[in-house]
Amino acid sequence: MVGIVVVSHSRKLAQEIIEFSMEMAQMDIRVINAGGTSDERFGTDATIIMNAIQKADDGSGVVVLVDLGSSIMSANMAIEFLDEDLQKRVFIADAPIVEGAISAISQASIGSSLEEVKKSAERAKEYSKK
């Protein structure tokens, strides 16, 4: 089953996003918090993200959701650290982190493919709030 990694500058925020999103899941899936830094400060850490990706992957691939700025850079760096085979199965979704996480987790929990989970997260950009 496709794994999900949530990268925020705040570990607490990433955890809240995960807990909220998991309410929509049809079954347990691998959703890993890769927020914050190793010393619990605000920021991102490529090593934490790399380890989270490895933990989230069961062979089906991983969709990474990021909040802003350096989280994108850190996630890209983390992917570069992975072995070549895993790199091919990891995608950063171009999606809002909360809505994207809800969509990706819901889609992954029904057994969808890596591409379907990524697309579902990215379609969250289209949600109107009017």
N, C-alpha and C. Protein backbone atom coordinates (compact mmCIF):
# COMPACT_ATOMS: atom_id res chain seq x y z
N MET A 1 0.85 -1.18 0.00
CA MET A 1 0.00 0.00 0.00
C MET A 1 0.89 1.24 0.00
N VAL A 2 0.49 2.26 -0.74
CA VAL A 2 1.25 3.50 -0.84
C VAL A 2 1.38 4.14 0.54
N GLY A 3 2.59 4.58 0.86
CA GLY A 3 2.85 5.28 2.11
C GLY A 3 2.78 6.78 1.91
N ILE A 4 2.59 7.48 3.01
CA ILE A 4 2.50 8.95 2.98
C ILE A 4 3.49 9.50 4.00
N VAL A 5 4.19 10.57 3.63
CA VAL A 5 5.06 11.29 4.56
C VAL A 5 4.60 12.73 4.59
N VAL A 6 4.43 13.27 5.79
CA VAL A 6 3.99 14.65 5.97
C VAL A 6 5.17 15.45 6.54
N VAL A 7 5.58 16.48 5.78
CA VAL A 7 6.72 17.33 6.14
C VAL A 7 6.21 18.74 6.41
N SER A 8 6.34 19.16 7.65
CA SER A 8 6.00 20.52 8.03
C SER A 8 7.18 21.09 8.81
N HIS A 9 7.26 22.39 8.89
CA HIS A 9 8.29 23.01 9.72
C HIS A 9 8.02 22.76 11.21
N SER A 10 6.84 22.31 11.53
CA SER A 10 6.46 22.01 12.91
C SER A 10 6.09 20.53 13.04
N ARG A 11 6.80 19.82 13.88
CA ARG A 11 6.49 18.40 14.11
C ARG A 11 5.07 18.25 14.66
N LYS A 12 4.67 19.16 15.55
CA LYS A 12 3.33 19.09 16.14
C LYS A 12 2.26 19.31 15.09
N LEU A 13 2.48 20.28 14.19
CA LEU A 13 1.51 20.53 13.14
C LEU A 13 1.39 19.32 12.23
N ALA A 14 2.51 18.73 11.84
CA ALA A 14 2.47 17.54 10.99
C ALA A 14 1.68 16.42 11.68
N GLN A 15 1.88 16.25 12.98
CA GLN A 15 1.17 15.20 13.70
C GLN A 15 -0.33 15.46 13.73
N GLU A 16 -0.73 16.70 13.92
CA GLU A 16 -2.16 17.04 13.91
C GLU A 16 -2.77 16.80 12.54
N ILE A 17 -2.05 17.15 11.49
CA ILE A 17 -2.54 16.89 10.13
C ILE A 17 -2.74 15.40 9.92
N ILE A 18 -1.78 14.61 10.37
CA ILE A 18 -1.88 13.15 10.23
C ILE A 18 -3.08 12.61 11.01
N GLU A 19 -3.21 13.01 12.25
CA GLU A 19 -4.31 12.51 13.08
C GLU A 19 -5.66 12.89 12.48
N PHE A 20 -5.79 14.13 12.02
CA PHE A 20 -7.04 14.58 11.42
C PHE A 20 -7.33 13.80 10.14
N SER A 21 -6.31 13.67 9.29
CA SER A 21 -6.49 12.98 8.01
C SER A 21 -6.81 11.51 8.19
N MET A 22 -6.25 10.88 9.19
CA MET A 22 -6.48 9.45 9.41
C MET A 22 -7.93 9.15 9.76
N GLU A 23 -8.67 10.16 10.17
CA GLU A 23 -10.11 9.98 10.43
C GLU A 23 -10.85 9.62 9.14
N MET A 24 -10.27 9.98 8.00
CA MET A 24 -10.90 9.72 6.71
C MET A 24 -10.47 8.38 6.10
N ALA A 25 -9.47 7.75 6.69
CA ALA A 25 -8.91 6.51 6.13
C ALA A 25 -9.85 5.33 6.33
N GLN A 26 -9.87 4.46 5.34
CA GLN A 26 -10.70 3.26 5.40
C GLN A 26 -10.00 2.13 6.17
N MET A 27 -8.69 2.21 6.28
CA MET A 27 -7.90 1.22 7.01
C MET A 27 -6.57 1.84 7.37
N ASP A 28 -5.82 1.18 8.24
CA ASP A 28 -4.51 1.69 8.62
C ASP A 28 -3.55 1.66 7.44
N ILE A 29 -2.84 2.75 7.28
CA ILE A 29 -1.79 2.82 6.27
C ILE A 29 -0.57 3.46 6.93
N ARG A 30 0.55 3.40 6.23
CA ARG A 30 1.78 3.99 6.76
C ARG A 30 1.79 5.48 6.46
N VAL A 31 1.59 6.27 7.49
CA VAL A 31 1.66 7.72 7.38
C VAL A 31 2.68 8.17 8.42
N ILE A 32 3.76 8.76 7.96
CA ILE A 32 4.88 9.07 8.84
C ILE A 32 5.08 10.57 8.95
N ASN A 33 5.29 11.02 10.17
CA ASN A 33 5.56 12.42 10.48
C ASN A 33 7.04 12.69 10.26
N ALA A 34 7.36 13.63 9.38
CA ALA A 34 8.74 14.04 9.14
C ALA A 34 8.90 15.54 9.38
N GLY A 35 8.11 16.07 10.31
CA GLY A 35 8.15 17.50 10.58
C GLY A 35 9.21 17.88 11.59
N GLY A 36 9.62 19.13 11.53
CA GLY A 36 10.54 19.68 12.51
C GLY A 36 11.96 19.19 12.34
N THR A 37 12.76 19.49 13.35
CA THR A 37 14.17 19.13 13.36
C THR A 37 14.45 18.14 14.47
N SER A 38 15.64 17.57 14.46
CA SER A 38 15.98 16.55 15.47
C SER A 38 16.02 17.13 16.88
N ASP A 39 16.22 18.42 17.02
CA ASP A 39 16.22 19.03 18.35
C ASP A 39 14.89 19.73 18.66
N GLU A 40 13.84 19.32 17.91
CA GLU A 40 12.47 19.78 18.16
C GLU A 40 12.23 21.26 17.88
N ARG A 41 13.10 21.88 17.09
CA ARG A 41 12.88 23.27 16.69
C ARG A 41 12.03 23.30 15.43
N PHE A 42 11.57 24.50 15.07
CA PHE A 42 10.89 24.68 13.79
C PHE A 42 11.94 24.57 12.68
N GLY A 43 11.56 23.91 11.61
CA GLY A 43 12.45 23.75 10.47
C GLY A 43 12.25 22.37 9.87
N THR A 44 13.11 22.02 8.94
CA THR A 44 13.02 20.70 8.32
C THR A 44 14.41 20.09 8.28
N ASP A 45 14.46 18.77 8.15
CA ASP A 45 15.72 18.04 8.21
C ASP A 45 15.66 16.91 7.18
N ALA A 46 16.55 16.96 6.20
CA ALA A 46 16.55 15.98 5.12
C ALA A 46 16.74 14.55 5.64
N THR A 47 17.52 14.38 6.68
CA THR A 47 17.74 13.03 7.23
C THR A 47 16.46 12.48 7.84
N ILE A 48 15.74 13.30 8.57
CA ILE A 48 14.45 12.87 9.15
C ILE A 48 13.49 12.48 8.03
N ILE A 49 13.45 13.29 6.98
CA ILE A 49 12.56 13.01 5.85
C ILE A 49 12.97 11.73 5.15
N MET A 50 14.26 11.54 4.91
CA MET A 50 14.74 10.32 4.26
C MET A 50 14.34 9.08 5.07
N ASN A 51 14.56 9.13 6.38
CA ASN A 51 14.20 8.00 7.24
C ASN A 51 12.69 7.74 7.22
N ALA A 52 11.91 8.80 7.19
CA ALA A 52 10.45 8.66 7.14
C ALA A 52 10.01 8.01 5.84
N ILE A 53 10.62 8.41 4.73
CA ILE A 53 10.29 7.81 3.43
C ILE A 53 10.59 6.31 3.46
N GLN A 54 11.76 5.96 3.96
CA GLN A 54 12.14 4.55 4.03
C GLN A 54 11.16 3.75 4.89
N LYS A 55 10.73 4.35 5.99
CA LYS A 55 9.79 3.68 6.89
C LYS A 55 8.40 3.56 6.26
N ALA A 56 8.01 4.55 5.47
CA ALA A 56 6.67 4.56 4.86
C ALA A 56 6.55 3.60 3.69
N ASP A 57 7.66 3.28 3.05
CA ASP A 57 7.61 2.47 1.83
C ASP A 57 7.54 0.98 2.13
N ASP A 58 6.55 0.32 1.53
CA ASP A 58 6.46 -1.15 1.62
C ASP A 58 6.73 -1.77 0.25
N GLY A 59 7.21 -0.94 -0.67
CA GLY A 59 7.45 -1.39 -2.03
C GLY A 59 6.49 -0.78 -3.03
N SER A 60 5.42 -0.15 -2.51
CA SER A 60 4.40 0.46 -3.37
C SER A 60 4.67 1.92 -3.68
N GLY A 61 5.60 2.52 -2.97
CA GLY A 61 5.93 3.92 -3.18
C GLY A 61 5.41 4.83 -2.09
N VAL A 62 5.82 6.09 -2.17
CA VAL A 62 5.51 7.07 -1.13
C VAL A 62 5.17 8.40 -1.77
N VAL A 63 4.13 9.02 -1.25
CA VAL A 63 3.78 10.40 -1.61
C VAL A 63 4.18 11.27 -0.43
N VAL A 64 4.92 12.33 -0.73
CA VAL A 64 5.39 13.26 0.30
C VAL A 64 4.60 14.55 0.17
N LEU A 65 4.06 15.01 1.29
CA LEU A 65 3.35 16.29 1.34
C LEU A 65 4.18 17.27 2.15
N VAL A 66 4.36 18.48 1.62
CA VAL A 66 5.22 19.48 2.25
C VAL A 66 4.44 20.77 2.48
N ASP A 67 4.91 21.57 3.45
CA ASP A 67 4.19 22.81 3.68
C ASP A 67 4.73 23.96 2.83
N LEU A 68 5.97 24.37 2.98
CA LEU A 68 6.44 25.51 2.21
C LEU A 68 7.96 25.59 2.18
N GLY A 69 8.45 26.40 1.27
CA GLY A 69 9.85 26.77 1.19
C GLY A 69 10.87 25.66 1.38
N SER A 70 11.58 25.73 2.50
CA SER A 70 12.69 24.80 2.72
C SER A 70 12.23 23.36 2.89
N SER A 71 10.97 23.13 3.19
CA SER A 71 10.50 21.74 3.28
C SER A 71 10.58 21.07 1.91
N ILE A 72 10.38 21.84 0.86
CA ILE A 72 10.48 21.31 -0.50
C ILE A 72 11.94 20.98 -0.80
N MET A 73 12.83 21.90 -0.46
CA MET A 73 14.26 21.67 -0.66
C MET A 73 14.75 20.46 0.13
N SER A 74 14.35 20.39 1.40
CA SER A 74 14.77 19.28 2.25
C SER A 74 14.22 17.95 1.75
N ALA A 75 12.98 17.95 1.28
CA ALA A 75 12.39 16.72 0.74
C ALA A 75 13.12 16.27 -0.52
N ASN A 76 13.44 17.20 -1.40
CA ASN A 76 14.19 16.85 -2.60
C ASN A 76 15.58 16.30 -2.25
N MET A 77 16.23 16.91 -1.27
CA MET A 77 17.54 16.44 -0.84
C MET A 77 17.42 15.02 -0.25
N ALA A 78 16.37 14.80 0.55
CA ALA A 78 16.15 13.47 1.14
C ALA A 78 15.98 12.41 0.06
N ILE A 79 15.25 12.75 -0.97
CA ILE A 79 15.02 11.80 -2.07
C ILE A 79 16.35 11.48 -2.76
N GLU A 80 17.21 12.47 -2.91
CA GLU A 80 18.52 12.24 -3.52
C GLU A 80 19.37 11.27 -2.70
N PHE A 81 19.18 11.24 -1.38
CA PHE A 81 19.94 10.35 -0.50
C PHE A 81 19.48 8.90 -0.59
N LEU A 82 18.28 8.66 -1.12
CA LEU A 82 17.72 7.31 -1.18
C LEU A 82 18.40 6.49 -2.27
N ASP A 83 18.30 5.17 -2.14
CA ASP A 83 18.83 4.34 -3.22
C ASP A 83 17.99 4.57 -4.47
N GLU A 84 18.60 4.30 -5.61
CA GLU A 84 17.99 4.63 -6.90
C GLU A 84 16.62 3.98 -7.10
N ASP A 85 16.48 2.74 -6.65
CA ASP A 85 15.21 2.04 -6.80
C ASP A 85 14.09 2.75 -6.05
N LEU A 86 14.35 3.14 -4.82
CA LEU A 86 13.32 3.83 -4.03
C LEU A 86 13.05 5.23 -4.59
N GLN A 87 14.08 5.91 -5.07
CA GLN A 87 13.88 7.24 -5.64
C GLN A 87 12.79 7.24 -6.71
N LYS A 88 12.72 6.18 -7.47
CA LYS A 88 11.74 6.08 -8.57
C LYS A 88 10.31 5.93 -8.06
N ARG A 89 10.16 5.58 -6.78
CA ARG A 89 8.83 5.35 -6.20
C ARG A 89 8.43 6.44 -5.21
N VAL A 90 9.08 7.58 -5.23
CA VAL A 90 8.78 8.66 -4.29
C VAL A 90 8.45 9.92 -5.07
N PHE A 91 7.31 10.52 -4.72
CA PHE A 91 6.89 11.76 -5.38
C PHE A 91 6.47 12.78 -4.34
N ILE A 92 6.90 14.02 -4.57
CA ILE A 92 6.41 15.14 -3.77
C ILE A 92 5.16 15.65 -4.47
N ALA A 93 4.06 15.66 -3.76
CA ALA A 93 2.80 16.13 -4.33
C ALA A 93 2.77 17.66 -4.33
N ASP A 94 2.37 18.23 -5.43
CA ASP A 94 2.17 19.67 -5.55
C ASP A 94 0.75 19.95 -5.04
N ALA A 95 0.64 19.98 -3.70
CA ALA A 95 -0.69 20.03 -3.07
C ALA A 95 -0.63 20.82 -1.77
N PRO A 96 -1.76 21.41 -1.38
CA PRO A 96 -1.83 22.02 -0.06
C PRO A 96 -1.70 20.92 0.98
N ILE A 97 -0.96 21.18 2.04
CA ILE A 97 -0.60 20.11 2.96
C ILE A 97 -1.80 19.48 3.67
N VAL A 98 -2.75 20.26 4.14
CA VAL A 98 -3.88 19.68 4.88
C VAL A 98 -4.84 18.95 3.93
N GLU A 99 -5.34 19.68 2.94
CA GLU A 99 -6.29 19.06 2.02
C GLU A 99 -5.64 17.93 1.23
N GLY A 100 -4.37 18.12 0.87
CA GLY A 100 -3.64 17.08 0.16
C GLY A 100 -3.46 15.83 0.99
N ALA A 101 -3.16 16.01 2.28
CA ALA A 101 -3.00 14.85 3.16
C ALA A 101 -4.31 14.08 3.31
N ILE A 102 -5.40 14.80 3.48
CA ILE A 102 -6.70 14.14 3.60
C ILE A 102 -6.99 13.33 2.35
N SER A 103 -6.79 13.95 1.19
CA SER A 103 -7.06 13.27 -0.09
C SER A 103 -6.14 12.08 -0.29
N ALA A 104 -4.85 12.27 -0.06
CA ALA A 104 -3.88 11.20 -0.29
C ALA A 104 -4.12 10.03 0.64
N ILE A 105 -4.35 10.31 1.90
CA ILE A 105 -4.57 9.24 2.87
C ILE A 105 -5.86 8.49 2.56
N SER A 106 -6.90 9.20 2.22
CA SER A 106 -8.16 8.54 1.86
C SER A 106 -7.96 7.64 0.64
N GLN A 107 -7.27 8.15 -0.37
CA GLN A 107 -7.04 7.40 -1.60
C GLN A 107 -6.15 6.19 -1.36
N ALA A 108 -5.08 6.38 -0.60
CA ALA A 108 -4.16 5.27 -0.31
C ALA A 108 -4.86 4.17 0.49
N SER A 109 -5.76 4.59 1.38
CA SER A 109 -6.41 3.60 2.26
C SER A 109 -7.39 2.69 1.53
N ILE A 110 -7.73 3.03 0.29
CA ILE A 110 -8.60 2.13 -0.49
C ILE A 110 -7.78 1.31 -1.50
N GLY A 111 -6.44 1.38 -1.34
CA GLY A 111 -5.57 0.54 -2.15
C GLY A 111 -5.21 1.09 -3.51
N SER A 112 -5.34 2.40 -3.69
CA SER A 112 -5.03 3.01 -4.99
C SER A 112 -3.54 2.98 -5.28
N SER A 113 -3.21 3.16 -6.57
CA SER A 113 -1.81 3.16 -7.01
C SER A 113 -1.11 4.43 -6.57
N LEU A 114 0.21 4.41 -6.67
CA LEU A 114 1.02 5.58 -6.34
C LEU A 114 0.59 6.79 -7.16
N GLU A 115 0.42 6.61 -8.44
CA GLU A 115 0.00 7.72 -9.32
C GLU A 115 -1.38 8.25 -8.92
N GLU A 116 -2.31 7.36 -8.59
CA GLU A 116 -3.66 7.79 -8.18
C GLU A 116 -3.61 8.56 -6.86
N VAL A 117 -2.79 8.14 -5.93
CA VAL A 117 -2.68 8.82 -4.64
C VAL A 117 -2.08 10.21 -4.84
N LYS A 118 -1.04 10.30 -5.65
CA LYS A 118 -0.41 11.60 -5.94
C LYS A 118 -1.42 12.54 -6.62
N LYS A 119 -2.11 12.05 -7.63
CA LYS A 119 -3.09 12.88 -8.34
C LYS A 119 -4.22 13.34 -7.41
N SER A 120 -4.65 12.45 -6.54
CA SER A 120 -5.71 12.80 -5.59
C SER A 120 -5.26 13.96 -4.69
N ALA A 121 -4.04 13.87 -4.19
CA ALA A 121 -3.50 14.95 -3.35
C ALA A 121 -3.45 16.25 -4.14
N GLU A 122 -2.97 16.18 -5.37
CA GLU A 122 -2.81 17.38 -6.18
C GLU A 122 -4.14 18.00 -6.60
N ARG A 123 -5.16 17.19 -6.74
CA ARG A 123 -6.48 17.75 -7.07
C ARG A 123 -7.04 18.59 -5.92
N ALA A 124 -6.48 18.41 -4.73
CA ALA A 124 -6.95 19.19 -3.58
C ALA A 124 -6.72 20.69 -3.80
N LYS A 125 -5.81 21.07 -4.70
CA LYS A 125 -5.60 22.50 -5.01
C LYS A 125 -6.85 23.12 -5.59
N GLU A 126 -7.71 22.30 -6.16
CA GLU A 126 -8.88 22.79 -6.85
C GLU A 126 -10.09 22.98 -5.94
N TYR A 127 -9.98 22.57 -4.67
CA TYR A 127 -11.12 22.69 -3.76
C TYR A 127 -11.45 24.17 -3.56
N SER A 128 -12.68 24.53 -3.86
CA SER A 128 -13.12 25.89 -3.67
C SER A 128 -13.54 26.11 -2.22
N LYS A 129 -13.22 27.26 -1.70
CA LYS A 129 -13.58 27.58 -0.32
C LYS A 129 -14.57 28.72 -0.28
N LYS A 130 -15.33 28.81 -1.36
CA LYS A 130 -16.37 29.87 -1.44
C LYS A 130 -17.67 29.31 -0.95
